[in-house]
PDB file of N, CA and C in Angstrom:
ATOM      1  N   MET A   1     -58.725-183.297 143.988  1.00  0.00           N
ATOM      2  CA  MET A   1     -59.791-182.408 144.361  1.00  0.00           C
ATOM      3  C   MET A   1     -59.990-181.330 143.291  1.00  0.00           C
ATOM      4  N   GLN A   2     -58.918-180.677 142.859  1.00  0.00           N
ATOM      5  CA  GLN A   2     -59.030-179.624 141.848  1.00  0.00           C
ATOM      6  C   GLN A   2     -59.621-180.176 140.561  1.00  0.00           C
ATOM      7  N   ARG A   3     -59.242-181.378 140.198  1.00  0.00           N
ATOM      8  CA  ARG A   3     -59.766-182.007 138.982  1.00  0.00           C
ATOM      9  C   ARG A   3     -61.282-182.096 139.065  1.00  0.00           C
ATOM     10  N   MET A   4     -61.793-182.525 140.218  1.00  0.00           N
ATOM     11  CA  MET A   4     -63.237-182.652 140.388  1.00  0.00           C
ATOM     12  C   MET A   4     -63.911-181.291 140.443  1.00  0.00           C
ATOM     13  N   LEU A   5     -63.249-180.320 141.071  1.00  0.00           N
ATOM     14  CA  LEU A   5     -63.831-178.978 141.161  1.00  0.00           C
ATOM     15  C   LEU A   5     -64.060-178.356 139.795  1.00  0.00           C
ATOM     16  N   ILE A   6     -63.169-178.644 138.846  1.00  0.00           N
ATOM     17  CA  ILE A   6     -63.334-178.068 137.510  1.00  0.00           C
ATOM     18  C   ILE A   6     -64.100-178.997 136.576  1.00  0.00           C
ATOM     19  N   GLY A   7     -64.553-180.135 137.104  1.00  0.00           N
ATOM     20  CA  GLY A   7     -65.372-181.053 136.313  1.00  0.00           C
ATOM     21  C   GLY A   7     -64.600-181.861 135.287  1.00  0.00           C
ATOM     22  N   MET A   8     -63.344-182.111 135.548  1.00  0.00           N
ATOM     23  CA  MET A   8     -62.519-182.880 134.614  1.00  0.00           C
ATOM     24  C   MET A   8     -62.478-184.343 135.049  1.00  0.00           C
ATOM     25  N   SER A   9     -62.663-185.236 134.107  1.00  0.00           N
ATOM     26  CA  SER A   9     -62.603-186.664 134.416  1.00  0.00           C
ATOM     27  C   SER A   9     -61.152-187.124 134.514  1.00  0.00           C
ATOM     28  N   GLN A  10     -60.956-188.272 135.136  1.00  0.00           N
ATOM     29  CA  GLN A  10     -59.619-188.865 135.200  1.00  0.00           C
ATOM     30  C   GLN A  10     -59.126-189.178 133.789  1.00  0.00           C
ATOM     31  N   GLU A  11     -60.047-189.573 132.935  1.00  0.00           N
ATOM     32  CA  GLU A  11     -59.688-189.892 131.554  1.00  0.00           C
ATOM     33  C   GLU A  11     -59.157-188.654 130.825  1.00  0.00           C
ATOM     34  N   LYS A  12     -59.855-187.518 130.972  1.00  0.00           N
ATOM     35  CA  LYS A  12     -59.421-186.281 130.304  1.00  0.00           C
ATOM     36  C   LYS A  12     -58.075-185.800 130.840  1.00  0.00           C
ATOM     37  N   LEU A  13     -57.886-185.893 132.151  1.00  0.00           N
ATOM     38  CA  LEU A  13     -56.600-185.499 132.723  1.00  0.00           C
ATOM     39  C   LEU A  13     -55.499-186.416 132.203  1.00  0.00           C
ATOM     40  N   GLY A  14     -55.794-187.702 132.156  1.00  0.00           N
ATOM     41  CA  GLY A  14     -54.826-188.661 131.632  1.00  0.00           C
ATOM     42  C   GLY A  14     -54.448-188.362 130.193  1.00  0.00           C
ATOM     43  N   GLU A  15     -55.441-188.051 129.366  1.00  0.00           N
ATOM     44  CA  GLU A  15     -55.183-187.717 127.957  1.00  0.00           C
ATOM     45  C   GLU A  15     -54.266-186.502 127.848  1.00  0.00           C
ATOM     46  N   ALA A  16     -54.539-185.487 128.657  1.00  0.00           N
ATOM     47  CA  ALA A  16     -53.734-184.264 128.609  1.00  0.00           C
ATOM     48  C   ALA A  16     -52.289-184.518 129.040  1.00  0.00           C
ATOM     49  N   LEU A  17     -52.097-185.541 129.875  1.00  0.00           N
ATOM     50  CA  LEU A  17     -50.760-185.849 130.384  1.00  0.00           C
ATOM     51  C   LEU A  17     -50.087-186.998 129.645  1.00  0.00           C
ATOM     52  N   GLY A  18     -50.831-187.629 128.732  1.00  0.00           N
ATOM     53  CA  GLY A  18     -50.293-188.786 128.037  1.00  0.00           C
ATOM     54  C   GLY A  18     -50.263-190.025 128.913  1.00  0.00           C
ATOM     55  N   LEU A  19     -51.239-190.128 129.818  1.00  0.00           N
ATOM     56  CA  LEU A  19     -51.338-191.251 130.748  1.00  0.00           C
ATOM     57  C   LEU A  19     -52.691-191.929 130.612  1.00  0.00           C
ATOM     58  N   THR A  20     -52.810-193.124 131.161  1.00  0.00           N
ATOM     59  CA  THR A  20     -54.113-193.785 131.222  1.00  0.00           C
ATOM     60  C   THR A  20     -54.874-193.238 132.426  1.00  0.00           C
ATOM     61  N   PHE A  21     -56.194-193.390 132.397  1.00  0.00           N
ATOM     62  CA  PHE A  21     -56.966-192.934 133.547  1.00  0.00           C
ATOM     63  C   PHE A  21     -56.631-193.779 134.774  1.00  0.00           C
ATOM     64  N   GLN A  22     -56.203-195.024 134.546  1.00  0.00           N
ATOM     65  CA  GLN A  22     -55.822-195.877 135.669  1.00  0.00           C
ATOM     66  C   GLN A  22     -54.609-195.304 136.407  1.00  0.00           C
ATOM     67  N   GLN A  23     -53.659-194.746 135.646  1.00  0.00           N
ATOM     68  CA  GLN A  23     -52.480-194.149 136.282  1.00  0.00           C
ATOM     69  C   GLN A  23     -52.876-192.911 137.073  1.00  0.00           C
ATOM     70  N   VAL A  24     -53.778-192.105 136.521  1.00  0.00           N
ATOM     71  CA  VAL A  24     -54.271-190.928 137.244  1.00  0.00           C
ATOM     72  C   VAL A  24     -54.941-191.382 138.534  1.00  0.00           C
ATOM     73  N   GLN A  25     -55.730-192.431 138.442  1.00  0.00           N
ATOM     74  CA  GLN A  25     -56.420-192.977 139.610  1.00  0.00           C
ATOM     75  C   GLN A  25     -55.413-193.419 140.677  1.00  0.00           C
ATOM     76  N   LYS A  26     -54.339-194.068 140.256  1.00  0.00           N
ATOM     77  CA  LYS A  26     -53.302-194.501 141.197  1.00  0.00           C
ATOM     78  C   LYS A  26     -52.633-193.305 141.866  1.00  0.00           C
ATOM     79  N   TYR A  27     -52.393-192.244 141.104  1.00  0.00           N
ATOM     80  CA  TYR A  27     -51.823-191.031 141.689  1.00  0.00           C
ATOM     81  C   TYR A  27     -52.767-190.459 142.743  1.00  0.00           C
ATOM     82  N   GLU A  28     -54.054-190.374 142.400  1.00  0.00           N
ATOM     83  CA  GLU A  28     -55.026-189.774 143.308  1.00  0.00           C
ATOM     84  C   GLU A  28     -55.200-190.585 144.583  1.00  0.00           C
ATOM     85  N   LYS A  29     -55.126-191.892 144.480  1.00  0.00           N
ATOM     86  CA  LYS A  29     -55.286-192.754 145.655  1.00  0.00           C
ATOM     87  C   LYS A  29     -54.009-192.871 146.469  1.00  0.00           C
ATOM     88  N   GLY A  30     -52.906-192.377 145.910  1.00  0.00           N
ATOM     89  CA  GLY A  30     -51.635-192.468 146.605  1.00  0.00           C
ATOM     90  C   GLY A  30     -50.935-193.799 146.422  1.00  0.00           C
ATOM     91  N   ALA A  31     -51.412-194.614 145.479  1.00  0.00           N
ATOM     92  CA  ALA A  31     -50.800-195.916 145.225  1.00  0.00           C
ATOM     93  C   ALA A  31     -49.446-195.764 144.544  1.00  0.00           C
ATOM     94  N   ASN A  32     -49.289-194.728 143.731  1.00  0.00           N
ATOM     95  CA  ASN A  32     -48.024-194.444 143.047  1.00  0.00           C
ATOM     96  C   ASN A  32     -47.556-193.044 143.416  1.00  0.00           C
ATOM     97  N   ARG A  33     -46.265-192.889 143.540  1.00  0.00           N
ATOM     98  CA  ARG A  33     -45.692-191.569 143.806  1.00  0.00           C
ATOM     99  C   ARG A  33     -45.691-190.732 142.533  1.00  0.00           C
ATOM    100  N   ILE A  34     -45.723-189.417 142.738  1.00  0.00           N
ATOM    101  CA  ILE A  34     -45.704-188.491 141.608  1.00  0.00           C
ATOM    102  C   ILE A  34     -44.400-187.705 141.663  1.00  0.00           C
ATOM    103  N   GLY A  35     -43.652-187.738 140.588  1.00  0.00           N
ATOM    104  CA  GLY A  35     -42.411-186.968 140.506  1.00  0.00           C
ATOM    105  C   GLY A  35     -42.699-185.483 140.383  1.00  0.00           C
ATOM    106  N   ALA A  36     -41.708-184.679 140.682  1.00  0.00           N
ATOM    107  CA  ALA A  36     -41.871-183.223 140.659  1.00  0.00           C
ATOM    108  C   ALA A  36     -42.264-182.709 139.283  1.00  0.00           C
ATOM    109  N   SER A  37     -41.642-183.245 138.232  1.00  0.00           N
ATOM    110  CA  SER A  37     -41.964-182.753 136.889  1.00  0.00           C
ATOM    111  C   SER A  37     -43.392-183.131 136.501  1.00  0.00           C
ATOM    112  N   ARG A  38     -43.830-184.319 136.889  1.00  0.00           N
ATOM    113  CA  ARG A  38     -45.206-184.745 136.596  1.00  0.00           C
ATOM    114  C   ARG A  38     -46.189-183.900 137.397  1.00  0.00           C
ATOM    115  N   LEU A  39     -45.858-183.585 138.629  1.00  0.00           N
ATOM    116  CA  LEU A  39     -46.718-182.749 139.452  1.00  0.00           C
ATOM    117  C   LEU A  39     -46.861-181.363 138.835  1.00  0.00           C
ATOM    118  N   TYR A  40     -45.771-180.852 138.296  1.00  0.00           N
ATOM    119  CA  TYR A  40     -45.800-179.560 137.614  1.00  0.00           C
ATOM    120  C   TYR A  40     -46.735-179.627 136.404  1.00  0.00           C
ATOM    121  N   GLU A  41     -46.651-180.710 135.631  1.00  0.00           N
ATOM    122  CA  GLU A  41     -47.519-180.888 134.459  1.00  0.00           C
ATOM    123  C   GLU A  41     -48.985-180.970 134.876  1.00  0.00           C
ATOM    124  N   ILE A  42     -49.260-181.703 135.937  1.00  0.00           N
ATOM    125  CA  ILE A  42     -50.637-181.831 136.426  1.00  0.00           C
ATOM    126  C   ILE A  42     -51.168-180.457 136.828  1.00  0.00           C
ATOM    127  N   GLY A  43     -50.354-179.689 137.536  1.00  0.00           N
ATOM    128  CA  GLY A  43     -50.761-178.340 137.933  1.00  0.00           C
ATOM    129  C   GLY A  43     -51.072-177.462 136.735  1.00  0.00           C
ATOM    130  N   ALA A  44     -50.250-177.574 135.694  1.00  0.00           N
ATOM    131  CA  ALA A  44     -50.473-176.776 134.484  1.00  0.00           C
ATOM    132  C   ALA A  44     -51.796-177.146 133.824  1.00  0.00           C
ATOM    133  N   VAL A  45     -52.090-178.441 133.744  1.00  0.00           N
ATOM    134  CA  VAL A  45     -53.344-178.889 133.128  1.00  0.00           C
ATOM    135  C   VAL A  45     -54.545-178.442 133.962  1.00  0.00           C
ATOM    136  N   LEU A  46     -54.413-178.504 135.285  1.00  0.00           N
ATOM    137  CA  LEU A  46     -55.524-178.137 136.169  1.00  0.00           C
ATOM    138  C   LEU A  46     -55.622-176.633 136.409  1.00  0.00           C
ATOM    139  N   GLY A  47     -54.625-175.890 135.941  1.00  0.00           N
ATOM    140  CA  GLY A  47     -54.655-174.438 136.096  1.00  0.00           C
ATOM    141  C   GLY A  47     -54.320-173.955 137.492  1.00  0.00           C
ATOM    142  N   VAL A  48     -53.465-174.702 138.193  1.00  0.00           N
ATOM    143  CA  VAL A  48     -53.051-174.295 139.536  1.00  0.00           C
ATOM    144  C   VAL A  48     -51.526-174.300 139.613  1.00  0.00           C
ATOM    145  N   PRO A  49     -50.955-173.429 140.443  1.00  0.00           N
ATOM    146  CA  PRO A  49     -49.494-173.453 140.606  1.00  0.00           C
ATOM    147  C   PRO A  49     -49.088-174.693 141.399  1.00  0.00           C
ATOM    148  N   ILE A  50     -47.854-175.086 141.285  1.00  0.00           N
ATOM    149  CA  ILE A  50     -47.389-176.288 141.975  1.00  0.00           C
ATOM    150  C   ILE A  50     -47.543-176.160 143.493  1.00  0.00           C
ATOM    151  N   GLU A  51     -47.503-174.939 144.006  1.00  0.00           N
ATOM    152  CA  GLU A  51     -47.684-174.717 145.440  1.00  0.00           C
ATOM    153  C   GLU A  51     -49.035-175.224 145.931  1.00  0.00           C
ATOM    154  N   TYR A  52     -50.015-175.270 145.040  1.00  0.00           N
ATOM    155  CA  TYR A  52     -51.350-175.751 145.386  1.00  0.00           C
ATOM    156  C   TYR A  52     -51.286-177.123 146.046  1.00  0.00           C
ATOM    157  N   PHE A  53     -50.407-177.976 145.552  1.00  0.00           N
ATOM    158  CA  PHE A  53     -50.318-179.345 146.043  1.00  0.00           C
ATOM    159  C   PHE A  53     -49.636-179.442 147.399  1.00  0.00           C
ATOM    160  N   PHE A  54     -49.073-178.342 147.861  1.00  0.00           N
ATOM    161  CA  PHE A  54     -48.354-178.350 149.129  1.00  0.00           C
ATOM    162  C   PHE A  54     -49.000-177.454 150.175  1.00  0.00           C
ATOM    163  N   GLU A  55     -50.219-176.989 149.926  1.00  0.00           N
ATOM    164  CA  GLU A  55     -50.912-176.150 150.898  1.00  0.00           C
ATOM    165  C   GLU A  55     -51.070-176.929 152.194  1.00  0.00           C
ATOM    166  N   GLY A  56     -50.785-176.270 153.306  1.00  0.00           N
ATOM    167  CA  GLY A  56     -50.899-176.910 154.603  1.00  0.00           C
ATOM    168  C   GLY A  56     -49.628-177.606 155.043  1.00  0.00           C
ATOM    169  N   LEU A  57     -48.630-177.650 154.188  1.00  0.00           N
ATOM    170  CA  LEU A  57     -47.360-178.275 154.557  1.00  0.00           C
ATOM    171  C   LEU A  57     -46.368-177.204 154.972  1.00  0.00           C
ATOM    172  N   GLU A  58     -45.676-177.472 156.052  1.00  0.00           N
ATOM    173  CA  GLU A  58     -44.634-176.563 156.508  1.00  0.00           C
ATOM    174  C   GLU A  58     -43.487-177.406 157.035  1.00  0.00           C
ATOM    175  N   ASN A  59     -42.320-177.209 156.486  1.00  0.00           N
ATOM    176  CA  ASN A  59     -41.140-177.973 156.885  1.00  0.00           C
ATOM    177  C   ASN A  59     -41.357-179.475 156.767  1.00  0.00           C
ATOM    178  N   GLY A  60     -42.081-179.883 155.746  1.00  0.00           N
ATOM    179  CA  GLY A  60     -42.254-181.299 155.472  1.00  0.00           C
ATOM    180  C   GLY A  60     -43.314-182.001 156.284  1.00  0.00           C
ATOM    181  N   SER A  61     -44.072-181.275 157.083  1.00  0.00           N
ATOM    182  CA  SER A  61     -45.115-181.936 157.861  1.00  0.00           C
ATOM    183  C   SER A  61     -46.430-181.209 157.684  1.00  0.00           C
ATOM    184  N   LEU A  62     -47.509-181.945 157.735  1.00  0.00           N
ATOM    185  CA  LEU A  62     -48.836-181.379 157.570  1.00  0.00           C
ATOM    186  C   LEU A  62     -49.232-180.638 158.831  1.00  0.00           C
ATOM    187  N   GLN A  63     -49.647-179.403 158.686  1.00  0.00           N
ATOM    188  CA  GLN A  63     -50.110-178.609 159.807  1.00  0.00           C
ATOM    189  C   GLN A  63     -51.625-178.573 159.769  1.00  0.00           C
ATOM    190  N   GLY A  64     -52.242-178.622 160.901  1.00  0.00           N
ATOM    191  CA  GLY A  64     -53.695-178.574 160.938  1.00  0.00           C
ATOM    192  C   GLY A  64     -54.177-178.047 162.266  1.00  0.00           C
ATOM    193  N   GLY A  65     -55.488-177.891 162.382  1.00  0.00           N
ATOM    194  CA  GLY A  65     -56.092-177.474 163.632  1.00  0.00           C
ATOM    195  C   GLY A  65     -55.542-176.162 164.134  1.00  0.00           C
ATOM    196  N   GLU A  66     -55.254-176.123 165.425  1.00  0.00           N
ATOM    197  CA  GLU A  66     -54.792-174.894 166.051  1.00  0.00           C
ATOM    198  C   GLU A  66     -53.434-174.444 165.529  1.00  0.00           C
ATOM    199  N   GLU A  67     -52.589-175.391 165.126  1.00  0.00           N
ATOM    200  CA  GLU A  67     -51.256-175.040 164.658  1.00  0.00           C
ATOM    201  C   GLU A  67     -51.303-174.133 163.440  1.00  0.00           C
ATOM    202  N   SER A  68     -52.287-174.312 162.592  1.00  0.00           N
ATOM    203  CA  SER A  68     -52.367-173.498 161.387  1.00  0.00           C
ATOM    204  C   SER A  68     -53.364-172.357 161.522  1.00  0.00           C
ATOM    205  N   GLY A  69     -53.979-172.222 162.703  1.00  0.00           N
ATOM    206  CA  GLY A  69     -54.958-171.173 162.906  1.00  0.00           C
ATOM    207  C   GLY A  69     -56.295-171.475 162.255  1.00  0.00           C
ATOM    208  N   ARG A  70     -56.536-172.728 161.892  1.00  0.00           N
ATOM    209  CA  ARG A  70     -57.777-173.096 161.223  1.00  0.00           C
ATOM    210  C   ARG A  70     -58.549-174.073 162.096  1.00  0.00           C
ATOM    211  N   VAL A  71     -58.826-173.695 163.299  1.00  0.00           N
ATOM    212  CA  VAL A  71     -59.534-174.554 164.226  1.00  0.00           C
ATOM    213  C   VAL A  71     -60.933-174.832 163.699  1.00  0.00           C
ATOM    214  N   GLY A  72     -61.324-176.097 163.675  1.00  0.00           N
ATOM    215  CA  GLY A  72     -62.663-176.474 163.270  1.00  0.00           C
ATOM    216  C   GLY A  72     -62.890-176.547 161.775  1.00  0.00           C
ATOM    217  N   VAL A  73     -61.902-176.294 160.970  1.00  0.00           N
ATOM    218  CA  VAL A  73     -62.066-176.352 159.520  1.00  0.00           C
ATOM    219  C   VAL A  73     -61.758-177.764 159.048  1.00  0.00           C
ATOM    220  N   ASP A  74     -62.720-178.385 158.381  1.00  0.00           N
ATOM    221  CA  ASP A  74     -62.534-179.743 157.874  1.00  0.00           C
ATOM    222  C   ASP A  74     -62.496-179.680 156.356  1.00  0.00           C
ATOM    223  N   LEU A  75     -61.294-179.662 155.809  1.00  0.00           N
ATOM    224  CA  LEU A  75     -61.133-179.554 154.369  1.00  0.00           C
ATOM    225  C   LEU A  75     -61.390-180.863 153.655  1.00  0.00           C
ATOM    226  N   SER A  76     -61.592-181.948 154.409  1.00  0.00           N
ATOM    227  CA  SER A  76     -61.853-183.233 153.771  1.00  0.00           C
ATOM    228  C   SER A  76     -63.188-183.213 153.023  1.00  0.00           C
ATOM    229  N   LEU A  77     -64.067-182.280 153.351  1.00  0.00           N
ATOM    230  CA  LEU A  77     -65.344-182.163 152.643  1.00  0.00           C
ATOM    231  C   LEU A  77     -65.132-182.043 151.145  1.00  0.00           C
ATOM    232  N   LEU A  78     -64.151-181.256 150.748  1.00  0.00           N
ATOM    233  CA  LEU A  78     -63.924-181.030 149.327  1.00  0.00           C
ATOM    234  C   LEU A  78     -63.122-182.137 148.660  1.00  0.00           C
ATOM    235  N   SER A  79     -62.795-183.168 149.413  1.00  0.00           N
ATOM    236  CA  SER A  79     -62.094-184.297 148.806  1.00  0.00           C
ATOM    237  C   SER A  79     -63.070-185.397 148.410  1.00  0.00           C
ATOM    238  N   THR A  80     -64.366-185.145 148.592  1.00  0.00           N
ATOM    239  CA  THR A  80     -65.382-186.122 148.203  1.00  0.00           C
ATOM    240  C   THR A  80     -66.272-185.536 147.113  1.00  0.00           C
ATOM    241  N   ALA A  81     -66.829-186.406 146.302  1.00  0.00           N
ATOM    242  CA  ALA A  81     -67.747-185.949 145.249  1.00  0.00           C
ATOM    243  C   ALA A  81     -68.961-185.260 145.870  1.00  0.00           C
ATOM    244  N   GLU A  82     -69.466-185.813 146.966  1.00  0.00           N
ATOM    245  CA  GLU A  82     -70.630-185.231 147.633  1.00  0.00           C
ATOM    246  C   GLU A  82     -70.315-183.831 148.163  1.00  0.00           C
ATOM    247  N   GLY A  83     -69.149-183.657 148.732  1.00  0.00           N
ATOM    248  CA  GLY A  83     -68.746-182.352 149.249  1.00  0.00           C
ATOM    249  C   GLY A  83     -68.592-181.323 148.147  1.00  0.00           C
ATOM    250  N   ILE A  84     -68.027-181.738 147.038  1.00  0.00           N
ATOM    251  CA  ILE A  84     -67.864-180.834 145.895  1.00  0.00           C
ATOM    252  C   ILE A  84     -69.225-180.437 145.343  1.00  0.00           C
ATOM    253  N   GLN A  85     -70.146-181.392 145.265  1.00  0.00           N
ATOM    254  CA  GLN A  85     -71.492-181.088 144.782  1.00  0.00           C
ATOM    255  C   GLN A  85     -72.201-180.135 145.732  1.00  0.00           C
ATOM    256  N   LEU A  86     -72.047-180.367 147.036  1.00  0.00           N
ATOM    257  CA  LEU A  86     -72.659-179.494 148.032  1.00  0.00           C
ATOM    258  C   LEU A  86     -72.109-178.074 147.916  1.00  0.00           C
ATOM    259  N   ASN A  87     -70.801-177.951 147.803  1.00  0.00           N
ATOM    260  CA  ASN A  87     -70.158-176.646 147.654  1.00  0.00           C
ATOM    261  C   ASN A  87     -70.646-175.932 146.395  1.00  0.00           C
ATOM    262  N   SER A  88     -70.680-176.652 145.298  1.00  0.00           N
ATOM    263  CA  SER A  88     -71.110-176.067 144.030  1.00  0.00           C
ATOM    264  C   SER A  88     -72.570-175.625 144.095  1.00  0.00           C
ATOM    265  N   ALA A  89     -73.423-176.475 144.652  1.00  0.00           N
ATOM    266  CA  ALA A  89     -74.845-176.143 144.753  1.00  0.00           C
ATOM    267  C   ALA A  89     -75.060-174.941 145.674  1.00  0.00           C
ATOM    268  N   PHE A  90     -74.333-174.909 146.793  1.00  0.00           N
ATOM    269  CA  PHE A  90     -74.470-173.817 147.750  1.00  0.00           C
ATOM    270  C   PHE A  90     -74.127-172.478 147.104  1.00  0.00           C
ATOM    271  N   PHE A  91     -73.010-172.423 146.389  1.00  0.00           N
ATOM    272  CA  PHE A  91     -72.597-171.158 145.800  1.00  0.00           C
ATOM    273  C   PHE A  91     -73.327-170.836 144.500  1.00  0.00           C
ATOM    274  N   SER A  92     -74.160-171.749 144.025  1.00  0.00           N
ATOM    275  CA  SER A  92     -74.998-171.414 142.873  1.00  0.00           C
ATOM    276  C   SER A  92     -76.238-170.636 143.317  1.00  0.00           C
ATOM    277  N   ILE A  93     -76.473-170.572 144.624  1.00  0.00           N
ATOM    278  CA  ILE A  93     -77.572-169.776 145.175  1.00  0.00           C
ATOM    279  C   ILE A  93     -77.116-168.320 145.186  1.00  0.00           C
ATOM    280  N   SER A  94     -77.759-167.494 144.390  1.00  0.00           N
ATOM    281  CA  SER A  94     -77.298-166.109 144.227  1.00  0.00           C
ATOM    282  C   SER A  94     -77.712-165.185 145.373  1.00  0.00           C
ATOM    283  N   ASP A  95     -78.765-165.523 146.091  1.00  0.00           N
ATOM    284  CA  ASP A  95     -79.264-164.663 147.161  1.00  0.00           C
ATOM    285  C   ASP A  95     -78.481-164.913 148.460  1.00  0.00           C
ATOM    286  N   PRO A  96     -77.698-163.920 148.935  1.00  0.00           N
ATOM    287  CA  PRO A  96     -76.906-164.110 150.155  1.00  0.00           C
ATOM    288  C   PRO A  96     -77.761-164.410 151.389  1.00  0.00           C
ATOM    289  N   LYS A  97     -78.957-163.827 151.451  1.00  0.00           N
ATOM    290  CA  LYS A  97     -79.837-164.088 152.593  1.00  0.00           C
ATOM    291  C   LYS A  97     -80.272-165.549 152.610  1.00  0.00           C
ATOM    292  N   LEU A  98     -80.573-166.079 151.449  1.00  0.00           N
ATOM    293  CA  LEU A  98     -80.962-167.482 151.357  1.00  0.00           C
ATOM    294  C   LEU A  98     -79.797-168.396 151.740  1.00  0.00           C
ATOM    295  N   ARG A  99     -78.586-168.037 151.322  1.00  0.00           N
ATOM    296  CA  ARG A  99     -77.410-168.836 151.701  1.00  0.00           C
ATOM    297  C   ARG A  99     -77.226-168.834 153.215  1.00  0.00           C
ATOM    298  N   ARG A 100     -77.388-167.665 153.848  1.00  0.00           N
ATOM    299  CA  ARG A 100     -77.255-167.584 155.309  1.00  0.00           C
ATOM    300  C   ARG A 100     -78.312-168.439 156.000  1.00  0.00           C
ATOM    301  N   ARG A 101     -79.544-168.394 155.499  1.00  0.00           N
ATOM    302  CA  ARG A 101     -80.617-169.194 156.106  1.00  0.00           C
ATOM    303  C   ARG A 101     -80.348-170.679 155.939  1.00  0.00           C
ATOM    304  N   LEU A 102     -79.827-171.055 154.777  1.00  0.00           N
ATOM    305  CA  LEU A 102     -79.476-172.455 154.546  1.00  0.00           C
ATOM    306  C   LEU A 102     -78.357-172.881 155.496  1.00  0.00           C
ATOM    307  N   LEU A 103     -77.378-172.018 155.694  1.00  0.00           N
ATOM    308  CA  LEU A 103     -76.291-172.306 156.626  1.00  0.00           C
ATOM    309  C   LEU A 103     -76.832-172.471 158.047  1.00  0.00           C
ATOM    310  N   GLU A 104     -77.758-171.609 158.443  1.00  0.00           N
ATOM    311  CA  GLU A 104     -78.375-171.731 159.766  1.00  0.00           C
ATOM    312  C   GLU A 104     -79.098-173.069 159.902  1.00  0.00           C
ATOM    313  N   LEU A 105     -79.817-173.481 158.857  1.00  0.00           N
ATOM    314  CA  LEU A 105     -80.512-174.765 158.872  1.00  0.00           C
ATOM    315  C   LEU A 105     -79.523-175.917 159.034  1.00  0.00           C
ATOM    316  N   ILE A 106     -78.436-175.861 158.299  1.00  0.00           N
ATOM    317  CA  ILE A 106     -77.420-176.915 158.383  1.00  0.00           C
ATOM    318  C   ILE A 106     -76.820-176.961 159.783  1.00  0.00           C
ATOM    319  N   ARG A 107     -76.570-175.807 160.374  1.00  0.00           N
ATOM    320  CA  ARG A 107     -76.028-175.774 161.737  1.00  0.00           C
ATOM    321  C   ARG A 107     -77.007-176.386 162.732  1.00  0.00           C
ATOM    322  N   VAL A 108     -78.287-176.088 162.593  1.00  0.00           N
ATOM    323  CA  VAL A 108     -79.292-176.669 163.484  1.00  0.00           C
ATOM    324  C   VAL A 108     -79.330-178.183 163.311  1.00  0.00           C
ATOM    325  N   LEU A 109     -79.355-178.633 162.073  1.00  0.00           N
ATOM    326  CA  LEU A 109     -79.391-180.072 161.813  1.00  0.00           C
ATOM    327  C   LEU A 109     -78.133-180.773 162.321  1.00  0.00           C
ATOM    328  N   GLY A 110     -77.014-180.078 162.286  1.00  0.00           N
ATOM    329  CA  GLY A 110     -75.753-180.650 162.746  1.00  0.00           C
ATOM    330  C   GLY A 110     -75.483-180.419 164.224  1.00  0.00           C
ATOM    331  N   GLY A 111     -76.418-179.776 164.917  1.00  0.00           N
ATOM    332  CA  GLY A 111     -76.247-179.537 166.341  1.00  0.00           C
ATOM    333  C   GLY A 111     -75.300-178.407 166.668  1.00  0.00           C
ATOM    334  N   GLN A 112     -75.072-177.498 165.735  1.00  0.00           N
ATOM    335  CA  GLN A 112     -74.169-176.367 165.960  1.00  0.00           C
ATOM    336  C   GLN A 112     -74.931-175.051 165.862  1.00  0.00           C
ATOM    337  N   ASP A 113     -76.138-175.023 166.384  1.00  0.00           N
ATOM    338  CA  ASP A 113     -76.982-173.841 166.215  1.00  0.00           C
ATOM    339  C   ASP A 113     -76.643-172.702 167.166  1.00  0.00           C
ATOM    340  N   ASP A 114     -75.544-172.811 167.930  1.00  0.00           N
ATOM    341  CA  ASP A 114     -75.159-171.733 168.826  1.00  0.00           C
ATOM    342  C   ASP A 114     -74.390-170.615 168.134  1.00  0.00           C
ATOM    343  N   GLU A 115     -73.972-170.830 166.875  1.00  0.00           N
ATOM    344  CA  GLU A 115     -73.236-169.809 166.118  1.00  0.00           C
ATOM    345  C   GLU A 115     -74.141-169.213 165.043  1.00  0.00           C
ATOM    346  N   PRO A 116     -74.537-167.950 165.164  1.00  0.00           N
ATOM    347  CA  PRO A 116     -75.355-167.357 164.102  1.00  0.00           C
ATOM    348  C   PRO A 116     -74.537-167.132 162.840  1.00  0.00           C
ATOM    349  N   ALA A 117     -75.183-167.291 161.708  1.00  0.00           N
ATOM    350  CA  ALA A 117     -74.517-167.081 160.411  1.00  0.00           C
ATOM    351  C   ALA A 117     -74.556-165.601 160.091  1.00  0.00           C
ATOM    352  N   THR A 118     -73.569-164.856 160.567  1.00  0.00           N
ATOM    353  CA  THR A 118     -73.578-163.408 160.368  1.00  0.00           C
ATOM    354  C   THR A 118     -72.627-162.945 159.283  1.00  0.00           C
ATOM    355  N   ALA A 119     -71.584-163.692 159.042  1.00  0.00           N
ATOM    356  CA  ALA A 119     -70.591-163.275 158.046  1.00  0.00           C
ATOM    357  C   ALA A 119     -71.145-163.432 156.642  1.00  0.00           C
ATOM    358  N   GLU A 120     -70.713-162.561 155.772  1.00  0.00           N
ATOM    359  CA  GLU A 120     -71.090-162.658 154.360  1.00  0.00           C
ATOM    360  C   GLU A 120     -70.485-163.925 153.779  1.00  0.00           C
ATOM    361  N   ILE A 121     -71.289-164.691 153.095  1.00  0.00           N
ATOM    362  CA  ILE A 121     -70.834-165.943 152.504  1.00  0.00           C
ATOM    363  C   ILE A 121     -70.686-165.733 151.013  1.00  0.00           C
ATOM    364  N   SER A 122     -69.465-165.864 150.528  1.00  0.00           N
ATOM    365  CA  SER A 122     -69.222-165.710 149.101  1.00  0.00           C
ATOM    366  C   SER A 122     -68.228-166.763 148.660  1.00  0.00           C
ATOM    367  N   PRO A 123     -68.308-167.173 147.386  1.00  0.00           N
ATOM    368  CA  PRO A 123     -67.385-168.196 146.901  1.00  0.00           C
ATOM    369  C   PRO A 123     -65.952-167.708 146.951  1.00  0.00           C
ATOM    370  N   LYS A 124     -65.037-168.646 147.241  1.00  0.00           N
ATOM    371  CA  LYS A 124     -63.612-168.331 147.262  1.00  0.00           C
ATOM    372  C   LYS A 124     -63.139-168.145 145.836  1.00  0.00           C
ATOM    373  N   GLN A 125     -62.523-167.025 145.558  1.00  0.00           N
ATOM    374  CA  GLN A 125     -62.049-166.735 144.201  1.00  0.00           C
ATOM    375  C   GLN A 125     -60.608-167.062 144.070  1.00  0.00           C
TER     376      GLN A 125
END
């Protein structure tokens, strides 16, 4: 996900790590396991700490939903190219009022128009 967020290809990541893009692809699909030292190298290339790869894990198990206090949050959106493009396009809109109106439109189209978009929407830094 981070690789796609920063616009890096599998080939470029592979080059930086001394791997083929096919090996990077296998890592991303979960076909091959990643050792701790390789994970550290990947984090360094992507500019994230190693903890990034373990977000949502507690005591070796994935926490989600009510257990993590993130009810209704679907992070799988950012694991797709379409979701990343949507996120990028949304935050490229500089006018906060326009972003709120767009969010309201999306909620109506998705059948969730009972929640007004009142919170300030800003990109996660």
